[in-house]
Protein backbone atom coordinates (compact mmCIF):
# COMPACT_ATOMS: atom_id res chain seq x y z
CA MET A 1 11.89 59.64 -25.91
CA LYS A 2 15.36 59.22 -27.38
CA ASN A 3 16.34 62.78 -28.25
CA TRP A 4 16.07 65.75 -25.92
CA MET A 5 17.50 69.10 -24.96
CA SER A 6 16.76 71.26 -21.94
CA TRP A 7 17.68 74.83 -21.15
CA GLU A 8 17.57 77.65 -18.65
CA GLY A 9 17.59 81.36 -19.36
CA GLY A 10 16.08 81.35 -22.87
CA VAL A 11 15.55 84.60 -24.77
CA ASP A 12 13.71 83.96 -28.03
CA LEU A 13 12.86 86.30 -30.88
CA ILE A 14 11.23 85.35 -34.18
CA ALA A 15 10.32 88.28 -36.42
CA LYS A 16 9.94 89.76 -39.88
CA THR A 17 11.59 92.91 -41.15
CA ASN A 18 8.58 93.65 -43.35
CA ALA A 19 4.88 92.92 -42.70
CA GLU A 20 4.51 91.73 -46.32
CA LEU A 21 6.83 88.75 -45.81
CA GLU A 22 5.15 85.35 -45.54
CA MET A 23 7.81 83.83 -43.30
CA PRO A 24 10.01 85.26 -40.56
CA ASN A 25 13.47 86.33 -41.70
CA VAL A 26 14.86 86.87 -38.19
CA ILE A 27 15.43 84.20 -35.54
CA VAL A 28 17.53 84.78 -32.43
CA HIS A 29 16.56 81.81 -30.26
CA VAL A 30 19.20 81.28 -27.56
CA ALA A 31 19.68 80.25 -23.93
CA ARG A 32 22.15 80.92 -21.15
CA MET A 33 22.72 77.16 -20.82
CA VAL A 34 21.51 74.23 -22.91
CA HIS A 35 21.89 70.61 -21.84
CA THR A 36 21.94 67.69 -24.32
CA PRO A 37 23.23 64.11 -24.25
CA ALA A 38 26.30 65.55 -26.11
CA GLY A 39 27.09 68.02 -23.30
CA SER A 40 26.13 71.49 -22.06
CA SER A 41 26.89 74.98 -23.37
CA PRO A 42 25.23 78.34 -24.05
CA SER A 43 23.50 77.58 -27.37
CA GLY A 44 20.66 78.31 -29.75
CA MET A 45 19.83 79.13 -33.35
CA ILE A 46 20.33 82.13 -35.61
CA PHE A 47 18.62 82.99 -38.87
CA TRP A 48 19.25 86.38 -40.46
CA GLN A 49 18.02 86.95 -44.01
CA PRO A 50 17.56 90.72 -44.46
CA ASP A 51 16.94 90.25 -48.21
CA PRO A 52 14.36 87.45 -48.58
CA ALA A 53 15.37 87.01 -52.24
CA ALA A 54 18.99 86.26 -51.25
CA PRO A 55 20.48 83.49 -49.13
CA PRO A 56 20.60 84.09 -45.36
CA LEU A 57 23.63 86.02 -44.11
CA ALA A 58 23.67 83.98 -40.89
CA PHE A 59 22.04 80.58 -40.43
CA GLY A 60 22.82 77.77 -38.04
CA PHE A 61 23.03 76.45 -34.53
CA VAL A 62 25.18 78.71 -32.37
CA SER A 63 27.07 77.18 -29.48
CA GLY A 64 30.23 77.51 -27.49
CA ASP A 65 30.70 73.75 -27.96
CA GLU A 66 30.72 72.16 -31.42
CA ALA A 67 29.37 68.80 -30.17
CA VAL A 68 26.41 70.47 -28.45
CA GLY A 69 25.67 72.65 -31.50
CA GLY A 70 25.88 69.61 -33.78
CA TYR A 71 23.38 67.66 -31.69
CA PHE A 72 20.40 69.88 -32.54
CA SER A 73 20.33 69.33 -36.30
CA LYS A 74 19.94 65.56 -36.43
CA HIS A 75 18.34 64.87 -33.07
CA ILE A 76 15.90 67.70 -32.40
CA PHE A 77 15.23 69.45 -35.74
CA ALA A 78 15.28 66.42 -38.07
CA GLY A 79 12.62 66.79 -40.76
CA THR A 80 12.60 70.61 -40.63
CA PRO A 81 14.40 73.27 -42.69
CA PHE A 82 16.97 73.35 -39.85
CA GLU A 83 18.01 69.73 -40.34
CA GLY A 84 21.54 69.93 -41.66
CA ALA A 85 22.05 73.53 -40.52
CA PRO A 86 25.71 74.21 -39.75
CA VAL A 87 27.21 74.73 -36.32
CA ILE A 88 28.51 78.25 -35.73
CA LEU A 89 30.89 78.58 -32.81
CA GLY A 90 30.01 81.73 -30.92
CA THR A 91 29.45 83.47 -27.62
CA ILE A 92 26.02 83.94 -26.06
CA THR A 93 25.44 86.32 -23.16
CA ILE A 94 22.02 86.43 -21.48
CA ASP A 95 20.72 88.95 -18.93
CA ILE A 96 17.22 88.49 -17.51
CA ASP A 97 15.44 90.38 -14.75
CA SER A 98 11.80 91.22 -14.00
CA GLU A 99 11.77 94.20 -16.40
CA LYS A 100 13.88 93.07 -19.37
CA ALA A 101 15.67 90.22 -21.08
CA THR A 102 18.62 90.66 -23.39
CA ALA A 103 20.60 88.25 -25.51
CA ARG A 104 23.91 89.09 -27.16
CA VAL A 105 25.10 86.58 -29.74
CA GLU A 106 28.57 87.00 -31.22
CA ILE A 107 29.48 84.90 -34.25
CA PRO A 108 32.06 85.50 -36.98
CA GLY A 109 31.02 88.68 -38.81
CA PHE A 110 27.96 89.44 -36.67
CA VAL A 111 26.78 90.65 -33.29
CA PHE A 112 23.05 90.20 -32.63
CA GLU A 113 21.53 92.01 -29.64
CA SER A 114 17.89 91.31 -28.78
CA HIS A 115 16.05 93.16 -26.03
CA LEU A 116 12.62 92.11 -24.74
CA THR A 117 10.33 94.01 -22.33
CA GLY A 118 6.71 94.12 -21.14
CA PHE A 119 6.32 90.55 -19.94
CA SER A 120 3.11 88.65 -19.34
CA GLU A 121 2.78 86.36 -16.33
CA THR A 122 5.03 83.32 -16.57
CA THR A 123 3.00 80.32 -17.71
CA LEU A 124 3.58 76.60 -17.88
CA ILE A 125 3.47 75.38 -21.50
CA ASN A 126 2.97 71.89 -22.89
CA ARG A 127 2.90 71.82 -26.71
CA ALA A 128 2.46 68.81 -28.96
CA PRO A 129 4.73 68.36 -31.99
CA LEU A 130 4.11 70.51 -35.07
CA PRO A 131 5.47 70.19 -38.63
CA THR A 132 7.85 73.12 -37.95
CA ALA A 133 8.67 71.87 -34.44
CA PRO A 134 8.44 68.04 -34.47
CA PHE A 135 9.09 67.63 -30.76
CA HIS A 136 7.19 67.84 -27.51
CA GLN A 137 7.73 71.11 -25.64
CA GLN A 138 7.38 71.79 -21.96
CA GLY A 139 8.57 74.81 -20.04
CA LEU A 140 7.99 78.13 -18.38
CA GLU A 141 7.42 81.14 -20.64
CA ALA A 142 6.65 84.84 -20.29
CA ALA A 143 5.66 86.54 -23.55
CA ALA A 144 7.13 89.99 -24.23
CA SER A 145 4.97 92.80 -25.56
CA HIS A 146 7.97 94.65 -27.03
CA ALA A 147 11.13 93.50 -28.82
CA ASP A 148 14.14 95.31 -30.27
CA LEU A 149 17.01 93.94 -32.31
CA LYS A 150 20.38 95.34 -33.30
CA VAL A 151 22.61 93.64 -35.84
CA ASN A 152 26.20 94.86 -35.74
CA GLY A 153 24.97 97.91 -33.80
CA GLU A 154 22.27 98.85 -36.34
CA LYS A 155 18.68 98.89 -35.06
CA ILE A 156 16.44 96.66 -37.17
CA GLU A 157 12.74 97.45 -37.61
CA LEU A 158 10.68 94.42 -36.65
CA VAL A 159 7.20 93.03 -37.10
CA ILE A 160 6.44 90.39 -34.48
CA PRO A 161 4.02 87.68 -35.67
CA PRO A 162 1.46 86.45 -33.12
CA VAL A 163 2.67 82.81 -33.23
CA GLY A 164 6.13 81.46 -34.00
CA ILE A 165 7.46 78.33 -35.64
CA THR A 166 7.35 76.44 -32.34
CA GLY A 167 3.67 77.26 -31.79
CA GLY A 168 4.11 79.88 -29.08
CA PRO A 169 4.85 83.58 -28.78
CA CYS A 170 7.53 85.03 -31.05
CA ALA A 171 9.11 87.22 -28.38
CA VAL A 172 9.44 85.30 -25.15
CA VAL A 173 11.58 84.64 -22.12
CA ALA A 174 11.72 80.90 -21.61
CA ALA A 175 12.97 80.52 -18.04
CA SER A 176 13.43 76.77 -18.44
CA GLY A 177 12.15 73.99 -20.62
CA ILE A 178 12.69 70.86 -22.63
CA TYR A 179 12.25 69.73 -26.23
CA ALA A 180 11.93 65.95 -26.63
CA ARG A 181 11.12 63.51 -29.41
């Protein structure tokens, strides 16, 4: 293991805005604090492509620290469509309790607000690498049965796929975990 990241307070949402879409066009995958060999900061990834025929309106690794945000592309997501994704300096605010989890991500031009409810029991996960997630995953997760998203204050209709790009639930609170390769 040479490349790793760990986190606490993860709120992850992967969704589609239309059931007909093959691939998700919404990713708000963030954590209260992410630790890497490059440092620690609230961080995650954003992908917002409301028109699948057009380029994404927001795409990259969001972080309060450019070095931390820049670590993900080459060290964790190498060999995926996120390799080479830009760093977007932004603010991430996470609120988690037993009934709900919210993430507010502020980047230039956008405010993303995800809200998850209806959690399963927290489970220990241990996933092997996948083509879309070429790293080992370990952590604690509680899947959400309901997810909402607002982009710049506008509620977005969502379709939540059963399995996300990392091999687990698409709407989940990830209390803590690690990605390593």
